[in-house]
Amino acid sequence: MNKYKIWGKEFSLKVLYECKNGQKPTNEQHQALEMFENELFQKKEVNKIQHYLDSQKEIMNFISKLDGIDDVDINDSVLDYLKPVEIRVLNEKNRMVEIVCDFKFDMEHSIAIRFKNEKFDGFYQEEV
């Protein structure tokens, strides 16, 4: 379990590496996590990952547009709807890392916030 500060709150999250056919994580995956954490934990003025996570309005807009979700106030805290549960490191050429969150209104799906090469790459709704 690693500690991550997301949306102003500290979470202890497990890190999962997506591996094919029982293989071990690749060097690229280890590098992806290292680069992601380096960017996330930077104390510099413009931190790309933290800056994106802090702009909760885009996340809330995404949630409000999901099928079957009617009672979302985009001015609410994202923590009212999402709870980070793990960091997933994908097995890709590019450095792809996701923050996977449980979604309060849909226990059958999680919401992943994906970063590719330490830049925001989109939201994904995934089956649990």
Protein backbone atom coordinates (compact mmCIF):
# COMPACT_ATOMS: atom_id res chain seq x y z
CA MET A 1 0.00 0.00 0.00
CA ASN A 2 1.28 3.41 -0.98
CA LYS A 3 0.02 6.74 0.35
CA TYR A 4 -1.33 9.26 -2.15
CA LYS A 5 -2.93 12.64 -1.55
CA ILE A 6 -5.88 12.95 -3.90
CA TRP A 7 -8.52 15.68 -3.74
CA GLY A 8 -7.00 17.01 -0.54
CA LYS A 9 -7.29 13.71 1.33
CA GLU A 10 -4.67 11.04 1.94
CA PHE A 11 -5.45 7.50 0.77
CA SER A 12 -3.54 4.25 1.22
CA LEU A 13 -3.91 2.59 -2.18
CA LYS A 14 -2.71 -0.72 -3.49
CA VAL A 15 -0.73 -0.64 -6.72
CA LEU A 16 -1.69 -3.21 -9.33
CA TYR A 17 0.34 -3.94 -12.42
CA GLU A 18 -1.56 -5.22 -15.46
CA CYS A 19 0.49 -8.24 -16.55
CA LYS A 20 -0.07 -10.59 -19.45
CA ASN A 21 -0.02 -14.38 -19.04
CA GLY A 22 1.29 -14.33 -15.47
CA GLN A 23 4.40 -12.36 -16.39
CA LYS A 24 6.08 -9.96 -14.00
CA PRO A 25 5.72 -6.19 -14.39
CA THR A 26 7.92 -4.77 -17.12
CA ASN A 27 10.65 -2.17 -16.65
CA GLU A 28 8.40 0.25 -18.52
CA GLN A 29 5.62 -0.29 -15.96
CA HIS A 30 7.98 0.34 -13.06
CA GLN A 31 9.15 3.49 -14.83
CA ALA A 32 5.53 4.57 -15.44
CA LEU A 33 4.71 4.33 -11.73
CA GLU A 34 7.92 6.11 -10.76
CA MET A 35 7.29 8.96 -13.20
CA PHE A 36 3.62 9.22 -12.11
CA GLU A 37 4.59 9.37 -8.43
CA ASN A 38 7.42 11.83 -9.11
CA GLU A 39 4.98 14.15 -10.86
CA LEU A 40 2.21 13.65 -8.28
CA PHE A 41 4.49 14.31 -5.31
CA GLN A 42 6.35 17.27 -6.82
CA LYS A 43 6.17 20.39 -4.70
CA LYS A 44 6.55 22.68 -7.68
CA GLU A 45 4.21 25.48 -8.65
CA VAL A 46 2.62 23.69 -11.62
CA ASN A 47 2.12 20.01 -10.95
CA LYS A 48 0.30 18.62 -14.00
CA ILE A 49 -1.33 15.63 -12.30
CA GLN A 50 -2.30 17.33 -9.05
CA HIS A 51 -3.51 20.40 -10.93
CA TYR A 52 -5.83 18.20 -12.96
CA LEU A 53 -7.11 16.30 -9.93
CA ASP A 54 -7.75 19.58 -8.14
CA SER A 55 -10.02 20.78 -10.96
CA GLN A 56 -12.92 18.66 -9.82
CA LYS A 57 -15.43 20.36 -12.11
CA GLU A 58 -14.39 18.26 -15.14
CA ILE A 59 -14.69 15.06 -13.12
CA MET A 60 -18.12 16.05 -11.83
CA ASN A 61 -19.27 16.92 -15.36
CA PHE A 62 -18.22 13.44 -16.52
CA ILE A 63 -20.11 11.79 -13.65
CA SER A 64 -23.25 13.86 -14.28
CA LYS A 65 -23.41 12.66 -17.91
CA LEU A 66 -23.30 8.93 -17.15
CA ASP A 67 -26.38 6.90 -18.03
CA GLY A 68 -28.83 6.54 -15.17
CA ILE A 69 -27.17 9.19 -13.01
CA ASP A 70 -29.61 12.00 -12.29
CA ASP A 71 -28.83 13.41 -8.85
CA VAL A 72 -25.36 14.86 -9.32
CA ASP A 73 -24.66 18.43 -8.35
CA ILE A 74 -21.45 19.47 -10.11
CA ASN A 75 -20.74 21.82 -7.22
CA ASP A 76 -20.50 18.90 -4.76
CA SER A 77 -17.16 17.48 -3.72
CA VAL A 78 -15.96 14.68 -5.95
CA LEU A 79 -15.39 12.69 -2.73
CA ASP A 80 -19.17 12.55 -2.31
CA TYR A 81 -19.22 10.27 -5.38
CA LEU A 82 -15.80 8.69 -5.87
CA LYS A 83 -13.39 6.91 -3.54
CA PRO A 84 -9.91 6.08 -4.86
CA VAL A 85 -9.17 2.40 -4.24
CA GLU A 86 -6.11 1.54 -6.32
CA ILE A 87 -3.44 2.69 -8.71
CA ARG A 88 -3.33 0.55 -11.84
CA VAL A 89 -0.26 0.50 -14.07
CA LEU A 90 -1.23 -0.62 -17.56
CA ASN A 91 0.94 -2.83 -19.75
CA GLU A 92 1.39 -0.36 -22.61
CA LYS A 93 4.23 1.21 -24.60
CA ASN A 94 3.33 4.60 -23.20
CA ARG A 95 3.47 5.25 -19.49
CA MET A 96 -0.17 4.70 -18.57
CA VAL A 97 -1.34 4.88 -14.97
CA GLU A 98 -4.92 4.98 -13.70
CA ILE A 99 -6.43 6.09 -10.44
CA VAL A 100 -9.30 3.64 -10.02
CA CYS A 101 -12.25 4.81 -7.91
CA ASP A 102 -15.32 3.14 -6.48
CA PHE A 103 -18.42 4.97 -7.67
CA LYS A 104 -21.13 5.57 -5.06
CA PHE A 105 -24.07 5.30 -7.48
CA ASP A 106 -22.93 2.26 -9.45
CA MET A 107 -21.35 -0.61 -7.54
CA GLU A 108 -20.95 -2.64 -10.75
CA HIS A 109 -18.62 -0.09 -12.34
CA SER A 110 -15.59 1.82 -11.23
CA ILE A 111 -14.33 5.04 -12.71
CA ALA A 112 -10.72 5.30 -13.76
CA ILE A 113 -8.86 8.55 -14.30
CA ARG A 114 -6.09 7.76 -16.78
CA PHE A 115 -2.78 9.52 -17.21
CA LYS A 116 -0.57 8.85 -20.24
CA ASN A 117 3.01 10.05 -19.97
CA GLU A 118 1.97 11.97 -16.85
CA LYS A 119 -0.75 13.93 -18.68
CA PHE A 120 -4.50 13.51 -18.32
CA ASP A 121 -5.80 10.99 -20.89
CA GLY A 122 -9.48 10.62 -20.03
CA PHE A 123 -12.10 9.02 -17.83
CA TYR A 124 -13.15 5.43 -18.18
CA GLN A 125 -16.05 3.57 -16.68
CA GLU A 126 -15.07 -0.06 -16.06
CA GLU A 127 -16.87 -3.17 -14.86
CA VAL A 128 -15.80 -4.31 -11.41
